[in-house]
């Protein structure tokens, strides 16, 4: 199998990870699409250096998160940041009551700083503390402590 086909197949299997992270860090559909495209470009550019020391999904998480955080930094420098508010996205079906709760959860998560968002998103994706530590580049105890604090912060926001 040639490298391009192999990459495309792997990308199709993991595109939901990229989309979910881009949705967490971007507001407008165009920004989400731009981040998605930039991430795919970054993945392809570094694909030859992927050494299977971690799972492909861990690598995708790491590259996607780095791409999104870099984009936020660049926007801040340029002064082109936009408020992070999912209520403007038309991705939600307003007739579904679960969607309203989901939208509120995303709103609260968007109120976290970018590092906290990264931790909670990985945890919500069902990653173990060990997997989160590997993706972020820290240790399991730091993940446990940080997630505990984030969950407490979100509980307090929900009770306001």
Protein backbone atom coordinates (compact mmCIF):
# COMPACT_ATOMS: atom_id res chain seq x y z
CA UNK A 1 0.00 0.00 0.00
CA UNK A 2 1.43 3.38 -0.88
CA UNK A 3 1.98 6.02 1.77
CA UNK A 4 -0.72 8.39 0.54
CA UNK A 5 -3.40 5.67 0.54
CA UNK A 6 -2.31 4.45 3.98
CA UNK A 7 -2.48 7.99 5.36
CA UNK A 8 -5.91 8.62 3.81
CA UNK A 9 -7.29 5.38 5.26
CA UNK A 10 -5.98 6.23 8.74
CA UNK A 11 -7.26 9.78 8.44
CA UNK A 12 -10.76 8.56 7.57
CA UNK A 13 -10.74 6.33 10.65
CA UNK A 14 -9.74 9.24 12.91
CA UNK A 15 -11.43 12.25 11.33
CA UNK A 16 -13.97 12.43 14.18
CA UNK A 17 -11.13 13.22 16.61
CA UNK A 18 -9.95 16.11 14.47
CA UNK A 19 -13.44 17.49 14.00
CA UNK A 20 -14.30 17.25 17.70
CA UNK A 21 -11.16 19.10 18.76
CA UNK A 22 -11.61 21.78 16.09
CA UNK A 23 -15.19 22.27 17.28
CA UNK A 24 -13.90 22.79 20.81
CA UNK A 25 -11.46 25.51 19.73
CA UNK A 26 -13.30 27.31 16.93
CA UNK A 27 -16.57 29.16 16.71
CA UNK A 28 -17.62 29.66 13.12
CA UNK A 29 -18.09 26.90 10.55
CA UNK A 30 -15.41 28.47 8.36
CA UNK A 31 -12.94 28.56 11.26
CA UNK A 32 -13.67 24.92 12.08
CA UNK A 33 -13.10 23.98 8.44
CA UNK A 34 -9.86 26.00 8.34
CA UNK A 35 -8.57 24.34 11.51
CA UNK A 36 -9.55 20.92 10.18
CA UNK A 37 -7.71 21.58 6.93
CA UNK A 38 -4.65 22.97 8.73
CA UNK A 39 -4.60 19.91 10.99
CA UNK A 40 -4.79 17.49 8.07
CA UNK A 41 -1.96 19.39 6.40
CA UNK A 42 0.14 19.19 9.61
CA UNK A 43 -0.62 15.48 9.96
CA UNK A 44 0.40 14.78 6.37
CA UNK A 45 3.52 16.94 6.67
CA UNK A 46 4.72 14.99 9.70
CA UNK A 47 3.36 11.56 8.74
CA UNK A 48 6.75 10.27 7.58
CA UNK A 49 8.11 11.00 11.07
CA UNK A 50 5.35 9.03 12.86
CA UNK A 51 7.23 6.15 14.46
CA UNK A 52 4.40 4.13 16.07
CA UNK A 53 5.82 4.80 19.55
CA UNK A 54 2.26 5.74 20.47
CA UNK A 55 -1.05 4.84 18.88
CA UNK A 56 -2.07 6.67 15.74
CA UNK A 57 -5.04 8.21 17.60
CA UNK A 58 -2.73 9.58 20.31
CA UNK A 59 -0.58 11.15 17.62
CA UNK A 60 -3.68 12.63 15.92
CA UNK A 61 -4.85 14.11 19.23
CA UNK A 62 -1.46 15.66 19.88
CA UNK A 63 -1.07 17.19 16.40
CA UNK A 64 -4.67 18.46 16.35
CA UNK A 65 -4.43 20.02 19.81
CA UNK A 66 -1.13 21.68 18.93
CA UNK A 67 -2.59 23.02 15.69
CA UNK A 68 -5.63 24.49 17.47
CA UNK A 69 -3.61 26.04 20.28
CA UNK A 70 -1.14 27.52 17.81
CA UNK A 71 -4.06 29.00 15.88
CA UNK A 72 -5.42 30.63 19.06
CA UNK A 73 -1.99 32.15 19.81
CA UNK A 74 -1.68 33.50 16.27
CA UNK A 75 -5.16 35.03 16.40
CA UNK A 76 -4.37 36.72 19.71
CA UNK A 77 -1.20 38.22 18.26
CA UNK A 78 -3.07 39.46 15.21
CA UNK A 79 -5.99 40.67 17.29
CA UNK A 80 -8.47 38.55 15.34
CA UNK A 81 -9.91 36.48 18.15
CA UNK A 82 -13.61 35.91 18.23
CA UNK A 83 -15.74 35.02 21.23
CA UNK A 84 -16.09 31.30 21.83
CA UNK A 85 -19.82 30.75 21.87
CA UNK A 86 -21.43 27.72 20.31
CA UNK A 87 -24.88 29.26 20.42
CA UNK A 88 -24.16 30.86 17.05
CA UNK A 89 -23.45 27.53 15.39
CA UNK A 90 -26.32 26.02 13.50
CA UNK A 91 -25.06 22.48 14.13
CA UNK A 92 -27.60 21.97 16.91
CA UNK A 93 -31.10 20.60 16.51
CA UNK A 94 -33.11 22.91 18.74
CA UNK A 95 -36.01 20.41 18.91
CA UNK A 96 -33.92 17.86 20.81
CA UNK A 97 -33.78 18.60 24.58
CA UNK A 98 -30.50 16.69 24.86
CA UNK A 99 -28.99 19.14 22.38
CA UNK A 100 -29.74 22.04 24.71
CA UNK A 101 -27.92 20.29 27.55
CA UNK A 102 -25.02 19.46 25.24
CA UNK A 103 -24.84 23.05 24.05
CA UNK A 104 -24.73 24.23 27.67
CA UNK A 105 -21.96 21.75 28.46
CA UNK A 106 -19.90 23.02 25.52
CA UNK A 107 -20.53 26.61 26.64
CA UNK A 108 -19.20 25.85 30.10
CA UNK A 109 -16.19 24.00 28.70
CA UNK A 110 -15.44 26.91 26.40
CA UNK A 111 -15.23 29.07 29.52
CA UNK A 112 -12.19 27.06 30.61
CA UNK A 113 -8.68 28.01 29.53
CA UNK A 114 -7.20 26.17 26.54
CA UNK A 115 -5.23 23.70 28.67
CA UNK A 116 -8.25 22.84 30.82
CA UNK A 117 -10.32 22.35 27.66
CA UNK A 118 -7.74 19.92 26.37
CA UNK A 119 -7.82 17.84 29.56
CA UNK A 120 -11.61 17.71 29.87
CA UNK A 121 -12.13 16.96 26.18
CA UNK A 122 -9.77 13.99 26.33
CA UNK A 123 -11.47 12.75 29.50
CA UNK A 124 -14.92 13.12 27.89
CA UNK A 125 -13.60 11.10 24.96
CA UNK A 126 -13.04 8.23 27.38
CA UNK A 127 -9.26 8.43 27.46
CA UNK A 128 -7.61 6.93 30.54
CA UNK A 129 -5.44 9.09 32.75
CA UNK A 130 -2.42 7.29 31.31
CA UNK A 131 -3.50 8.02 27.73
CA UNK A 132 -4.16 11.67 28.57
CA UNK A 133 -0.73 11.91 30.19
CA UNK A 134 0.86 10.47 27.05
CA UNK A 135 -1.02 12.83 24.72
CA UNK A 136 -0.32 15.94 26.78
CA UNK A 137 3.18 14.96 27.83
CA UNK A 138 2.76 14.83 31.61
CA UNK A 139 2.29 12.15 34.27
CA UNK A 140 -0.80 10.32 35.52
CA UNK A 141 -0.88 12.09 38.90
CA UNK A 142 -0.85 15.50 37.25
CA UNK A 143 -3.75 14.42 35.03
CA UNK A 144 -5.75 13.16 38.01
CA UNK A 145 -5.20 16.36 39.98
CA UNK A 146 -5.92 18.65 37.05
CA UNK A 147 -9.10 16.79 36.07
CA UNK A 148 -10.36 16.87 39.64
CA UNK A 149 -9.92 20.66 39.73
CA UNK A 150 -11.55 21.12 36.34
CA UNK A 151 -14.55 18.98 37.29
CA UNK A 152 -14.97 21.01 40.49
CA UNK A 153 -14.78 24.22 38.48
CA UNK A 154 -17.45 22.96 36.06
CA UNK A 155 -19.69 21.83 38.94
CA UNK A 156 -19.44 25.29 40.48
CA UNK A 157 -20.32 26.90 37.13
CA UNK A 158 -23.31 24.60 36.76
CA UNK A 159 -24.58 25.53 40.21
CA UNK A 160 -24.47 29.29 39.55
